[in-house]
Amino acid sequence: MSYIRIITLVISVFTFSTLNSQIILLDKKHLKKEKSLLQKSILPASIIISGAALSKSLFEKSLQKDIRKFAGNNFNSSIEDYTRYVPIIELYAADILNIKAKNHWFDQTKNLTMSILITDFITYKLKKGIKKERPGSTITHPSYESFPSGHTSFAFANASVLYQEFKDSNKILAYSGYAFAVTTGSFRMLNNAHYLSDVLVGAGIAILVTELIYHFEPIKWNPFKKNENITFIPKIGRDDFGKENYGLYFNVRF
């Protein structure tokens, strides 16, 4: 099977599964039905298990060779450094445009922060513990932090929060974040930085963590709920040395 067919199949199956595994909420005037935690966990757990089963297999090594052959051994792009942030931009742009969301902006920020921090913690603990060699690792530049993909887990954490917030009010916006997350994971493979299993497990972890956060809502505190004129927007970027830094934009409407 050609590379294009394989990638198309993987993306199609993942997208179809995502569309058919999320929470179903009826109109507020009708009885509210919500999937159980077990049902919510089926998709991300299946993705994680599938990725773990594929890890270090001959299939994924062969697939990665086909991907590089298709892209070119000298192919290199940094687009995934930017696409992973797009769902965050969409989230707060929608708030600014007054598109109806599930939660107040502070609760969005709170859930987004928890999702990113927990997902990153799990991802990098696995990276350091498993020490899987990257496909592009060389003798002169060895790298053993392939599994799972940090770019992909970060992108899917952002996309999952976007989905949770707008799935009832604007489905196109809600699902759009996953398109950028899939693009992020795909380019990590095209750039020879990760195998398919790395990307799948990274995506699964992020989706599962976000599902758990929105299901349990561990922190209900919100000091700004009665004041809609104050807005904080997270700032995530890189400094001149390429190191990620975090901050907040503060906005007050009079």
C-alpha atoms as a PDB file:
ATOM      1  CA  MET A   1       0.000   0.000   0.000  1.00  0.00           C
ATOM      2  CA  SER A   2       1.379   3.411  -0.957  1.00  0.00           C
ATOM      3  CA  TYR A   3       2.296   6.032   1.629  1.00  0.00           C
ATOM      4  CA  ILE A   4      -0.523   8.346   0.581  1.00  0.00           C
ATOM      5  CA  ARG A   5      -3.096   5.573   0.969  1.00  0.00           C
ATOM      6  CA  ILE A   6      -1.749   4.616   4.395  1.00  0.00           C
ATOM      7  CA  ILE A   7      -1.768   8.172   5.745  1.00  0.00           C
ATOM      8  CA  THR A   8      -5.191   8.818   4.230  1.00  0.00           C
ATOM      9  CA  LEU A   9      -6.523   5.658   5.884  1.00  0.00           C
ATOM     10  CA  VAL A  10      -5.030   6.539   9.296  1.00  0.00           C
ATOM     11  CA  ILE A  11      -6.380  10.105   9.221  1.00  0.00           C
ATOM     12  CA  SER A  12      -9.790   8.976   7.932  1.00  0.00           C
ATOM     13  CA  VAL A  13     -10.195   6.302  10.597  1.00  0.00           C
ATOM     14  CA  PHE A  14      -9.031   8.660  13.354  1.00  0.00           C
ATOM     15  CA  THR A  15     -11.303  11.487  12.200  1.00  0.00           C
ATOM     16  CA  PHE A  16     -14.320   9.193  11.862  1.00  0.00           C
ATOM     17  CA  SER A  17     -13.689   7.705  15.309  1.00  0.00           C
ATOM     18  CA  THR A  18     -13.338  11.160  16.835  1.00  0.00           C
ATOM     19  CA  LEU A  19     -16.582  12.379  15.314  1.00  0.00           C
ATOM     20  CA  ASN A  20     -18.475   9.356  16.604  1.00  0.00           C
ATOM     21  CA  SER A  21     -17.033   9.017  20.096  1.00  0.00           C
ATOM     22  CA  GLN A  22     -17.622  12.374  21.708  1.00  0.00           C
ATOM     23  CA  ILE A  23     -20.220  13.472  24.286  1.00  0.00           C
ATOM     24  CA  ILE A  24     -23.828  13.808  23.050  1.00  0.00           C
ATOM     25  CA  LEU A  25     -25.690  16.655  24.686  1.00  0.00           C
ATOM     26  CA  LEU A  26     -29.307  17.408  23.752  1.00  0.00           C
ATOM     27  CA  ASP A  27     -30.997  20.790  23.792  1.00  0.00           C
ATOM     28  CA  LYS A  28     -31.348  22.276  27.263  1.00  0.00           C
ATOM     29  CA  LYS A  29     -35.128  21.999  26.980  1.00  0.00           C
ATOM     30  CA  HIS A  30     -34.841  18.233  26.680  1.00  0.00           C
ATOM     31  CA  LEU A  31     -33.389  15.537  28.900  1.00  0.00           C
ATOM     32  CA  LYS A  32     -29.603  15.906  29.091  1.00  0.00           C
ATOM     33  CA  LYS A  33     -27.770  12.698  28.240  1.00  0.00           C
ATOM     34  CA  GLU A  34     -24.080  12.354  28.785  1.00  0.00           C
ATOM     35  CA  LYS A  35     -21.795   9.462  28.012  1.00  0.00           C
ATOM     36  CA  SER A  36     -20.248   7.653  30.919  1.00  0.00           C
ATOM     37  CA  LEU A  37     -16.585   8.064  31.708  1.00  0.00           C
ATOM     38  CA  LEU A  38     -15.954   4.588  30.305  1.00  0.00           C
ATOM     39  CA  GLN A  39     -17.534   5.512  26.984  1.00  0.00           C
ATOM     40  CA  LYS A  40     -15.554   8.748  26.819  1.00  0.00           C
ATOM     41  CA  SER A  41     -12.342   6.836  27.413  1.00  0.00           C
ATOM     42  CA  ILE A  42     -12.806   4.229  24.688  1.00  0.00           C
ATOM     43  CA  LEU A  43     -11.437   6.298  21.790  1.00  0.00           C
ATOM     44  CA  PRO A  44      -8.307   7.720  23.474  1.00  0.00           C
ATOM     45  CA  ALA A  45      -7.562   4.398  25.176  1.00  0.00           C
ATOM     46  CA  SER A  46      -7.873   2.600  21.823  1.00  0.00           C
ATOM     47  CA  ILE A  47      -5.499   5.098  20.198  1.00  0.00           C
ATOM     48  CA  ILE A  48      -2.953   4.672  23.002  1.00  0.00           C
ATOM     49  CA  ILE A  49      -3.155   0.874  22.877  1.00  0.00           C
ATOM     50  CA  SER A  50      -2.860   0.850  19.073  1.00  0.00           C
ATOM     51  CA  GLY A  51       0.163   3.130  19.214  1.00  0.00           C
ATOM     52  CA  ALA A  52       1.841   1.081  21.938  1.00  0.00           C
ATOM     53  CA  ALA A  53       1.268  -2.109  19.901  1.00  0.00           C
ATOM     54  CA  LEU A  54       2.826  -0.534  16.809  1.00  0.00           C
ATOM     55  CA  SER A  55       5.873   0.844  18.628  1.00  0.00           C
ATOM     56  CA  LYS A  56       9.170  -0.523  17.301  1.00  0.00           C
ATOM     57  CA  SER A  57       7.316  -2.810  14.880  1.00  0.00           C
ATOM     58  CA  LEU A  58       8.598  -3.593  11.395  1.00  0.00           C
ATOM     59  CA  PHE A  59       5.435  -2.039   9.992  1.00  0.00           C
ATOM     60  CA  GLU A  60       6.010   1.412  11.446  1.00  0.00           C
ATOM     61  CA  LYS A  61       9.708   1.348  10.513  1.00  0.00           C
ATOM     62  CA  SER A  62       8.782   0.431   6.949  1.00  0.00           C
ATOM     63  CA  LEU A  63       6.076   3.103   6.919  1.00  0.00           C
ATOM     64  CA  GLN A  64       8.546   5.737   8.119  1.00  0.00           C
ATOM     65  CA  LYS A  65      10.954   4.831   5.324  1.00  0.00           C
ATOM     66  CA  ASP A  66       8.134   5.199   2.805  1.00  0.00           C
ATOM     67  CA  ILE A  67       7.171   8.556   4.288  1.00  0.00           C
ATOM     68  CA  ARG A  68      10.715   9.897   4.006  1.00  0.00           C
ATOM     69  CA  LYS A  69      11.018   8.507   0.499  1.00  0.00           C
ATOM     70  CA  PHE A  70       7.822  10.335  -0.430  1.00  0.00           C
ATOM     71  CA  ALA A  71       8.798  13.608   1.282  1.00  0.00           C
ATOM     72  CA  GLY A  72      12.482  13.435   0.364  1.00  0.00           C
ATOM     73  CA  ASN A  73      15.361  12.683   2.686  1.00  0.00           C
ATOM     74  CA  ASN A  74      16.235  16.374   2.848  1.00  0.00           C
ATOM     75  CA  PHE A  75      12.691  17.485   3.662  1.00  0.00           C
ATOM     76  CA  ASN A  76      12.533  19.783   6.664  1.00  0.00           C
ATOM     77  CA  SER A  77       9.715  22.042   7.783  1.00  0.00           C
ATOM     78  CA  SER A  78       8.938  23.896  10.991  1.00  0.00           C
ATOM     79  CA  ILE A  79       5.212  24.280  10.300  1.00  0.00           C
ATOM     80  CA  GLU A  80       4.301  21.983  13.209  1.00  0.00           C
ATOM     81  CA  ASP A  81       5.958  24.446  15.592  1.00  0.00           C
ATOM     82  CA  TYR A  82       3.088  26.798  14.736  1.00  0.00           C
ATOM     83  CA  THR A  83       0.081  24.588  13.908  1.00  0.00           C
ATOM     84  CA  ARG A  84       0.067  23.183  17.451  1.00  0.00           C
ATOM     85  CA  TYR A  85      -0.808  26.655  18.802  1.00  0.00           C
ATOM     86  CA  VAL A  86      -3.663  27.390  16.381  1.00  0.00           C
ATOM     87  CA  PRO A  87      -6.427  25.796  18.527  1.00  0.00           C
ATOM     88  CA  ILE A  88      -5.462  28.140  21.393  1.00  0.00           C
ATOM     89  CA  ILE A  89      -5.747  31.135  19.074  1.00  0.00           C
ATOM     90  CA  GLU A  90      -9.116  29.861  17.851  1.00  0.00           C
ATOM     91  CA  LEU A  91     -10.350  29.405  21.430  1.00  0.00           C
ATOM     92  CA  TYR A  92      -9.733  32.986  22.524  1.00  0.00           C
ATOM     93  CA  ALA A  93     -10.604  34.524  19.156  1.00  0.00           C
ATOM     94  CA  ALA A  94     -14.020  32.865  19.489  1.00  0.00           C
ATOM     95  CA  ASP A  95     -14.387  34.375  22.966  1.00  0.00           C
ATOM     96  CA  ILE A  96     -13.511  37.815  21.655  1.00  0.00           C
ATOM     97  CA  LEU A  97     -16.098  37.370  18.882  1.00  0.00           C
ATOM     98  CA  ASN A  98     -18.684  36.325  21.505  1.00  0.00           C
ATOM     99  CA  ILE A  99     -19.234  32.847  20.075  1.00  0.00           C
ATOM    100  CA  LYS A 100     -21.117  30.869  22.691  1.00  0.00           C
ATOM    101  CA  ALA A 101     -18.844  28.516  24.640  1.00  0.00           C
ATOM    102  CA  LYS A 102     -19.509  25.894  27.299  1.00  0.00           C
ATOM    103  CA  ASN A 103     -17.533  27.740  29.972  1.00  0.00           C
ATOM    104  CA  HIS A 104     -16.463  31.188  31.096  1.00  0.00           C
ATOM    105  CA  TRP A 105     -13.087  32.293  29.709  1.00  0.00           C
ATOM    106  CA  PHE A 106     -11.410  31.782  33.105  1.00  0.00           C
ATOM    107  CA  ASP A 107     -12.669  28.203  33.276  1.00  0.00           C
ATOM    108  CA  GLN A 108     -11.455  27.660  29.703  1.00  0.00           C
ATOM    109  CA  THR A 109      -8.021  28.928  30.657  1.00  0.00           C
ATOM    110  CA  LYS A 110      -8.026  26.834  33.811  1.00  0.00           C
ATOM    111  CA  ASN A 111      -8.964  23.646  31.928  1.00  0.00           C
ATOM    112  CA  LEU A 112      -6.526  24.392  29.112  1.00  0.00           C
ATOM    113  CA  THR A 113      -3.690  24.940  31.579  1.00  0.00           C
ATOM    114  CA  MET A 114      -4.447  21.724  33.454  1.00  0.00           C
ATOM    115  CA  SER A 115      -4.718  19.763  30.219  1.00  0.00           C
ATOM    116  CA  ILE A 116      -1.385  21.068  28.904  1.00  0.00           C
ATOM    117  CA  LEU A 117       0.497  20.609  32.181  1.00  0.00           C
ATOM    118  CA  ILE A 118      -0.770  17.084  32.898  1.00  0.00           C
ATOM    119  CA  THR A 119      -0.334  15.971  29.294  1.00  0.00           C
ATOM    120  CA  ASP A 120       3.197  17.387  29.134  1.00  0.00           C
ATOM    121  CA  PHE A 121       4.100  15.748  32.451  1.00  0.00           C
ATOM    122  CA  ILE A 122       2.944  12.317  31.275  1.00  0.00           C
ATOM    123  CA  THR A 123       4.512  12.755  27.843  1.00  0.00           C
ATOM    124  CA  TYR A 124       7.956  13.729  29.073  1.00  0.00           C
ATOM    125  CA  LYS A 125       7.996  11.174  31.867  1.00  0.00           C
ATOM    126  CA  LEU A 126       7.374   8.507  29.221  1.00  0.00           C
ATOM    127  CA  LYS A 127      10.028  10.027  26.954  1.00  0.00           C
ATOM    128  CA  LYS A 128      12.657   9.895  29.678  1.00  0.00           C
ATOM    129  CA  GLY A 129      11.609   6.467  30.883  1.00  0.00           C
ATOM    130  CA  ILE A 130      11.216   4.629  27.568  1.00  0.00           C
ATOM    131  CA  LYS A 131      14.101   6.326  25.699  1.00  0.00           C
ATOM    132  CA  LYS A 132      12.984   5.241  22.242  1.00  0.00           C
ATOM    133  CA  GLU A 133      15.344   6.299  19.466  1.00  0.00           C
ATOM    134  CA  ARG A 134      13.981   8.821  16.988  1.00  0.00           C
ATOM    135  CA  PRO A 135      13.823   7.776  13.320  1.00  0.00           C
ATOM    136  CA  GLY A 136      16.157  10.632  12.427  1.00  0.00           C
ATOM    137  CA  SER A 137      18.691   9.867  15.155  1.00  0.00           C
ATOM    138  CA  THR A 138      22.302   9.564  13.989  1.00  0.00           C
ATOM    139  CA  ILE A 139      25.609   8.579  15.527  1.00  0.00           C
ATOM    140  CA  THR A 140      26.730  12.207  15.606  1.00  0.00           C
ATOM    141  CA  HIS A 141      23.333  13.531  16.755  1.00  0.00           C
ATOM    142  CA  PRO A 142      21.644  10.777  18.799  1.00  0.00           C
ATOM    143  CA  SER A 143      18.153  11.340  20.199  1.00  0.00           C
ATOM    144  CA  TYR A 144      16.209   8.987  22.435  1.00  0.00           C
ATOM    145  CA  GLU A 145      13.037  10.956  23.167  1.00  0.00           C
ATOM    146  CA  SER A 146      10.798   9.709  20.379  1.00  0.00           C
ATOM    147  CA  PHE A 147       7.953   8.086  22.321  1.00  0.00           C
ATOM    148  CA  PRO A 148       5.478   9.741  22.602  1.00  0.00           C
ATOM    149  CA  SER A 149       5.422  12.894  20.477  1.00  0.00           C
ATOM    150  CA  GLY A 150       5.406  16.076  22.565  1.00  0.00           C
ATOM    151  CA  HIS A 151       4.346  18.319  19.681  1.00  0.00           C
ATOM    152  CA  THR A 152       1.409  16.024  18.964  1.00  0.00           C
ATOM    153  CA  SER A 153       0.254  15.667  22.575  1.00  0.00           C
ATOM    154  CA  PHE A 154       0.408  19.453  23.024  1.00  0.00           C
ATOM    155  CA  ALA A 155      -1.563  20.063  19.816  1.00  0.00           C
ATOM    156  CA  PHE A 156      -4.243  17.526  20.716  1.00  0.00           C
ATOM    157  CA  ALA A 157      -4.575  18.907  24.250  1.00  0.00           C
ATOM    158  CA  ASN A 158      -5.333  22.317  22.757  1.00  0.00           C
ATOM    159  CA  ALA A 159      -7.658  20.861  20.121  1.00  0.00           C
ATOM    160  CA  SER A 160      -9.552  18.795  22.690  1.00  0.00           C
ATOM    161  CA  VAL A 161     -10.226  21.821  24.900  1.00  0.00           C
ATOM    162  CA  LEU A 162     -11.436  23.756  21.843  1.00  0.00           C
ATOM    163  CA  TYR A 163     -13.739  20.854  21.000  1.00  0.00           C
ATOM    164  CA  GLN A 164     -15.155  20.588  24.505  1.00  0.00           C
ATOM    165  CA  GLU A 165     -15.948  24.296  24.601  1.00  0.00           C
ATOM    166  CA  PHE A 166     -17.698  24.677  21.231  1.00  0.00           C
ATOM    167  CA  LYS A 167     -19.082  21.255  20.305  1.00  0.00           C
ATOM    168  CA  ASP A 168     -22.636  22.368  21.147  1.00  0.00           C
ATOM    169  CA  SER A 169     -22.568  25.860  19.655  1.00  0.00           C
ATOM    170  CA  ASN A 170     -20.282  25.695  16.611  1.00  0.00           C
ATOM    171  CA  LYS A 171     -19.277  22.242  15.374  1.00  0.00           C
ATOM    172  CA  ILE A 172     -17.053  23.521  12.547  1.00  0.00           C
ATOM    173  CA  LEU A 173     -15.020  25.546  15.038  1.00  0.00           C
ATOM    174  CA  ALA A 174     -15.017  22.670  17.523  1.00  0.00           C
ATOM    175  CA  TYR A 175     -13.624  20.125  15.063  1.00  0.00           C
ATOM    176  CA  SER A 176     -11.236  22.522  13.305  1.00  0.00           C
ATOM    177  CA  GLY A 177      -8.662  22.195  16.083  1.00  0.00           C
ATOM    178  CA  TYR A 178      -8.252  18.498  15.322  1.00  0.00           C
ATOM    179  CA  ALA A 179      -7.321  19.331  11.723  1.00  0.00           C
ATOM    180  CA  PHE A 180      -4.370  21.376  12.987  1.00  0.00           C
ATOM    181  CA  ALA A 181      -3.480  18.697  15.536  1.00  0.00           C
ATOM    182  CA  VAL A 182      -3.446  15.986  12.844  1.00  0.00           C
ATOM    183  CA  THR A 183      -1.333  18.284  10.662  1.00  0.00           C
ATOM    184  CA  THR A 184       1.105  18.712  13.549  1.00  0.00           C
ATOM    185  CA  GLY A 185       1.465  14.962  14.037  1.00  0.00           C
ATOM    186  CA  SER A 186       1.773  14.317  10.308  1.00  0.00           C
ATOM    187  CA  PHE A 187       4.618  16.801   9.921  1.00  0.00           C
ATOM    188  CA  ARG A 188       6.460  15.286  12.875  1.00  0.00           C
ATOM    189  CA  MET A 189       6.555  12.107  10.810  1.00  0.00           C
ATOM    190  CA  LEU A 190       7.385  13.901   7.568  1.00  0.00           C
ATOM    191  CA  ASN A 191      10.289  15.610   9.351  1.00  0.00           C
ATOM    192  CA  ASN A 192      11.551  12.198  10.499  1.00  0.00           C
ATOM    193  CA  ALA A 193      11.220  13.234  14.152  1.00  0.00           C
ATOM    194  CA  HIS A 194       8.651  10.580  15.128  1.00  0.00           C
ATOM    195  CA  TYR A 195       7.168   7.254  14.155  1.00  0.00           C
ATOM    196  CA  LEU A 196       3.428   6.669  13.752  1.00  0.00           C
ATOM    197  CA  SER A 197       3.169   5.063  17.217  1.00  0.00           C
ATOM    198  CA  ASP A 198       4.720   8.147  18.847  1.00  0.00           C
ATOM    199  CA  VAL A 199       2.098  10.364  17.260  1.00  0.00           C
ATOM    200  CA  LEU A 200      -0.833   8.076  18.087  1.00  0.00           C
ATOM    201  CA  VAL A 201       0.090   7.708  21.760  1.00  0.00           C
ATOM    202  CA  GLY A 202       0.720  11.450  22.110  1.00  0.00           C
ATOM    203  CA  ALA A 203      -2.729  12.179  20.654  1.00  0.00           C
ATOM    204  CA  GLY A 204      -4.421   9.552  22.823  1.00  0.00           C
ATOM    205  CA  ILE A 205      -2.875  10.830  26.043  1.00  0.00           C
ATOM    206  CA  ALA A 206      -3.971  14.399  25.351  1.00  0.00           C
ATOM    207  CA  ILE A 207      -7.546  13.451  24.460  1.00  0.00           C
ATOM    208  CA  LEU A 208      -7.877  11.203  27.505  1.00  0.00           C
ATOM    209  CA  VAL A 209      -6.483  13.804  29.925  1.00  0.00           C
ATOM    210  CA  THR A 210      -8.819  16.484  28.571  1.00  0.00           C
ATOM    211  CA  GLU A 211     -11.821  14.153  28.760  1.00  0.00           C
ATOM    212  CA  LEU A 212     -11.016  13.439  32.412  1.00  0.00           C
ATOM    213  CA  ILE A 213     -10.646  17.134  33.242  1.00  0.00           C
ATOM    214  CA  TYR A 214     -13.992  18.042  31.689  1.00  0.00           C
ATOM    215  CA  HIS A 215     -15.696  15.050  33.256  1.00  0.00           C
ATOM    216  CA  PHE A 216     -14.542  15.642  36.847  1.00  0.00           C
ATOM    217  CA  GLU A 217     -13.971  19.429  36.766  1.00  0.00           C
ATOM    218  CA  PRO A 218     -11.448  19.170  39.631  1.00  0.00           C
ATOM    219  CA  ILE A 219     -11.156  22.933  40.187  1.00  0.00           C
ATOM    220  CA  LYS A 220     -14.425  24.874  40.201  1.00  0.00           C
ATOM    221  CA  TRP A 221     -13.012  28.172  41.524  1.00  0.00           C
ATOM    222  CA  ASN A 222     -13.630  31.225  39.294  1.00  0.00           C
ATOM    223  CA  PRO A 223     -13.141  34.723  40.761  1.00  0.00           C
ATOM    224  CA  PHE A 224     -14.092  36.464  37.486  1.00  0.00           C
ATOM    225  CA  LYS A 225     -17.412  34.803  36.689  1.00  0.00           C
ATOM    226  CA  LYS A 226     -19.403  37.857  37.756  1.00  0.00           C
ATOM    227  CA  ASN A 227     -17.197  40.240  35.807  1.00  0.00           C
ATOM    228  CA  GLU A 228     -17.265  39.660  32.040  1.00  0.00           C
ATOM    229  CA  ASN A 229     -15.195  42.753  31.284  1.00  0.00           C
ATOM    230  CA  ILE A 230     -11.867  41.248  32.371  1.00  0.00           C
ATOM    231  CA  THR A 231     -10.003  38.807  30.160  1.00  0.00           C
ATOM    232  CA  PHE A 232      -6.746  36.902  30.545  1.00  0.00           C
ATOM    233  CA  ILE A 233      -5.283  35.198  27.483  1.00  0.00           C
ATOM    234  CA  PRO A 234      -2.282  32.824  27.789  1.00  0.00           C
ATOM    235  CA  LYS A 235       0.837  33.757  25.861  1.00  0.00           C
ATOM    236  CA  ILE A 236       2.980  30.851  24.712  1.00  0.00           C
ATOM    237  CA  GLY A 237       6.029  31.423  22.523  1.00  0.00           C
ATOM    238  CA  ARG A 238       9.758  31.091  22.132  1.00  0.00           C
ATOM    239  CA  ASP A 239      12.533  33.447  23.167  1.00  0.00           C
ATOM    240  CA  ASP A 240      15.575  34.361  21.080  1.00  0.00           C
ATOM    241  CA  PHE A 241      17.292  31.147  22.175  1.00  0.00           C
ATOM    242  CA  GLY A 242      14.412  28.911  21.049  1.00  0.00           C
ATOM    243  CA  LYS A 243      13.240  28.160  24.596  1.00  0.00           C
ATOM    244  CA  GLU A 244       9.492  28.097  25.232  1.00  0.00           C
ATOM    245  CA  ASN A 245       8.158  30.765  27.561  1.00  0.00           C
ATOM    246  CA  TYR A 246       4.726  31.408  29.009  1.00  0.00           C
ATOM    247  CA  GLY A 247       2.837  34.495  30.073  1.00  0.00           C
ATOM    248  CA  LEU A 248      -0.556  36.217  30.140  1.00  0.00           C
ATOM    249  CA  TYR A 249      -2.221  39.026  28.215  1.00  0.00           C
ATOM    250  CA  PHE A 250      -4.525  41.136  30.414  1.00  0.00           C
ATOM    251  CA  ASN A 251      -7.491  42.969  28.900  1.00  0.00           C
ATOM    252  CA  VAL A 252     -10.133  45.167  30.539  1.00  0.00           C
ATOM    253  CA  ARG A 253     -13.217  46.460  28.687  1.00  0.00           C
ATOM    254  CA  PHE A 254     -14.735  49.716  29.961  1.00  0.00           C
END
